[in-house]
Amino acid sequence: MQKATGLLAILGDSIEAIKSYLATIDQQELENLLGVLPSRSPAGSAEMVMRILVYREIEKRESDDPPRELH
């Protein structure tokens, strides 16, 4: 049980590191990354987790953008 707890802690740290990295890259690089990730991947796979993290970062940026004026 201790080994599983340790592995989960490492996994959590890794996910946080990926989230931090995604927050630093520009929008084009983020979209390029999304483009190369498979659109369908097994549940719980690294590809699926990465795709979710990229989507969340894109959504976060879109919600942080101030509304644009229409002309």
C-alpha atoms as a PDB file:
ATOM      1  CA  MET A   1       0.000   0.000   0.000  1.00  0.00           C
ATOM      2  CA  GLN A   2       2.869   2.386   0.750  1.00  0.00           C
ATOM      3  CA  LYS A   3       4.323   1.773  -2.695  1.00  0.00           C
ATOM      4  CA  ALA A   4       0.988   2.646  -4.340  1.00  0.00           C
ATOM      5  CA  THR A   5       0.732   5.806  -2.247  1.00  0.00           C
ATOM      6  CA  GLY A   6       4.235   6.806  -3.281  1.00  0.00           C
ATOM      7  CA  LEU A   7       3.524   6.166  -6.938  1.00  0.00           C
ATOM      8  CA  LEU A   8       0.314   8.202  -6.770  1.00  0.00           C
ATOM      9  CA  ALA A   9       2.220  11.083  -5.182  1.00  0.00           C
ATOM     10  CA  ILE A  10       4.794  10.972  -7.991  1.00  0.00           C
ATOM     11  CA  LEU A  11       2.006  10.856 -10.582  1.00  0.00           C
ATOM     12  CA  GLY A  12       0.337  13.869  -8.976  1.00  0.00           C
ATOM     13  CA  ASP A  13       3.615  15.779  -8.998  1.00  0.00           C
ATOM     14  CA  SER A  14       4.132  14.895 -12.667  1.00  0.00           C
ATOM     15  CA  ILE A  15       0.659  16.106 -13.624  1.00  0.00           C
ATOM     16  CA  GLU A  16       1.247  19.375 -11.765  1.00  0.00           C
ATOM     17  CA  ALA A  17       4.566  19.825 -13.606  1.00  0.00           C
ATOM     18  CA  ILE A  18       2.837  19.273 -16.959  1.00  0.00           C
ATOM     19  CA  LYS A  19       0.097  21.764 -16.051  1.00  0.00           C
ATOM     20  CA  SER A  20       2.745  24.324 -15.102  1.00  0.00           C
ATOM     21  CA  TYR A  21       4.569  23.773 -18.385  1.00  0.00           C
ATOM     22  CA  LEU A  22       1.380  24.093 -20.436  1.00  0.00           C
ATOM     23  CA  ALA A  23       0.666  27.423 -18.739  1.00  0.00           C
ATOM     24  CA  THR A  24       3.997  28.774 -20.044  1.00  0.00           C
ATOM     25  CA  ILE A  25       3.769  27.866 -23.738  1.00  0.00           C
ATOM     26  CA  ASP A  26       2.179  30.132 -26.330  1.00  0.00           C
ATOM     27  CA  GLN A  27      -1.254  29.512 -27.801  1.00  0.00           C
ATOM     28  CA  GLN A  28       0.038  28.250 -31.150  1.00  0.00           C
ATOM     29  CA  GLU A  29       2.278  25.669 -29.501  1.00  0.00           C
ATOM     30  CA  LEU A  30      -0.626  24.576 -27.309  1.00  0.00           C
ATOM     31  CA  GLU A  31      -2.847  24.105 -30.367  1.00  0.00           C
ATOM     32  CA  ASN A  32      -0.060  22.263 -32.199  1.00  0.00           C
ATOM     33  CA  LEU A  33       0.272  19.915 -29.247  1.00  0.00           C
ATOM     34  CA  LEU A  34      -3.455  19.275 -29.280  1.00  0.00           C
ATOM     35  CA  GLY A  35      -3.223  18.518 -32.994  1.00  0.00           C
ATOM     36  CA  VAL A  36      -0.638  15.761 -32.563  1.00  0.00           C
ATOM     37  CA  LEU A  37      -2.353  14.036 -29.642  1.00  0.00           C
ATOM     38  CA  PRO A  38      -4.670  11.178 -30.646  1.00  0.00           C
ATOM     39  CA  SER A  39      -8.340  12.152 -30.631  1.00  0.00           C
ATOM     40  CA  ARG A  40      -9.268   8.768 -29.155  1.00  0.00           C
ATOM     41  CA  SER A  41      -7.173   7.023 -26.571  1.00  0.00           C
ATOM     42  CA  PRO A  42      -7.826   4.489 -23.827  1.00  0.00           C
ATOM     43  CA  ALA A  43      -9.322   5.808 -20.595  1.00  0.00           C
ATOM     44  CA  GLY A  44      -6.611   6.632 -18.111  1.00  0.00           C
ATOM     45  CA  SER A  45      -3.829   6.590 -20.691  1.00  0.00           C
ATOM     46  CA  ALA A  46      -1.103   9.212 -20.695  1.00  0.00           C
ATOM     47  CA  GLU A  47      -2.409  10.510 -24.033  1.00  0.00           C
ATOM     48  CA  MET A  48      -5.903  10.994 -22.644  1.00  0.00           C
ATOM     49  CA  VAL A  49      -4.608  12.770 -19.543  1.00  0.00           C
ATOM     50  CA  MET A  50      -2.403  15.039 -21.656  1.00  0.00           C
ATOM     51  CA  ARG A  51      -5.284  15.884 -24.000  1.00  0.00           C
ATOM     52  CA  ILE A  52      -7.502  16.792 -21.039  1.00  0.00           C
ATOM     53  CA  LEU A  53      -4.777  19.003 -19.568  1.00  0.00           C
ATOM     54  CA  VAL A  54      -4.284  20.778 -22.906  1.00  0.00           C
ATOM     55  CA  TYR A  55      -8.052  21.323 -23.294  1.00  0.00           C
ATOM     56  CA  ARG A  56      -8.273  22.700 -19.765  1.00  0.00           C
ATOM     57  CA  GLU A  57      -5.432  25.143 -20.427  1.00  0.00           C
ATOM     58  CA  ILE A  58      -7.075  26.321 -23.653  1.00  0.00           C
ATOM     59  CA  GLU A  59     -10.409  26.785 -21.868  1.00  0.00           C
ATOM     60  CA  LYS A  60      -8.705  28.623 -19.003  1.00  0.00           C
ATOM     61  CA  ARG A  61      -7.071  31.039 -21.417  1.00  0.00           C
ATOM     62  CA  GLU A  62     -10.337  31.628 -23.257  1.00  0.00           C
ATOM     63  CA  SER A  63     -12.165  32.383 -20.007  1.00  0.00           C
ATOM     64  CA  ASP A  64      -9.320  34.702 -18.888  1.00  0.00           C
ATOM     65  CA  ASP A  65      -9.467  36.750 -22.105  1.00  0.00           C
ATOM     66  CA  PRO A  66     -11.359  40.019 -21.757  1.00  0.00           C
ATOM     67  CA  PRO A  67     -14.459  40.310 -23.950  1.00  0.00           C
ATOM     68  CA  ARG A  68     -13.727  41.704 -27.405  1.00  0.00           C
ATOM     69  CA  GLU A  69     -15.601  44.634 -28.834  1.00  0.00           C
ATOM     70  CA  LEU A  70     -17.593  43.974 -31.986  1.00  0.00           C
ATOM     71  CA  HIS A  71     -17.359  46.584 -34.735  1.00  0.00           C
END
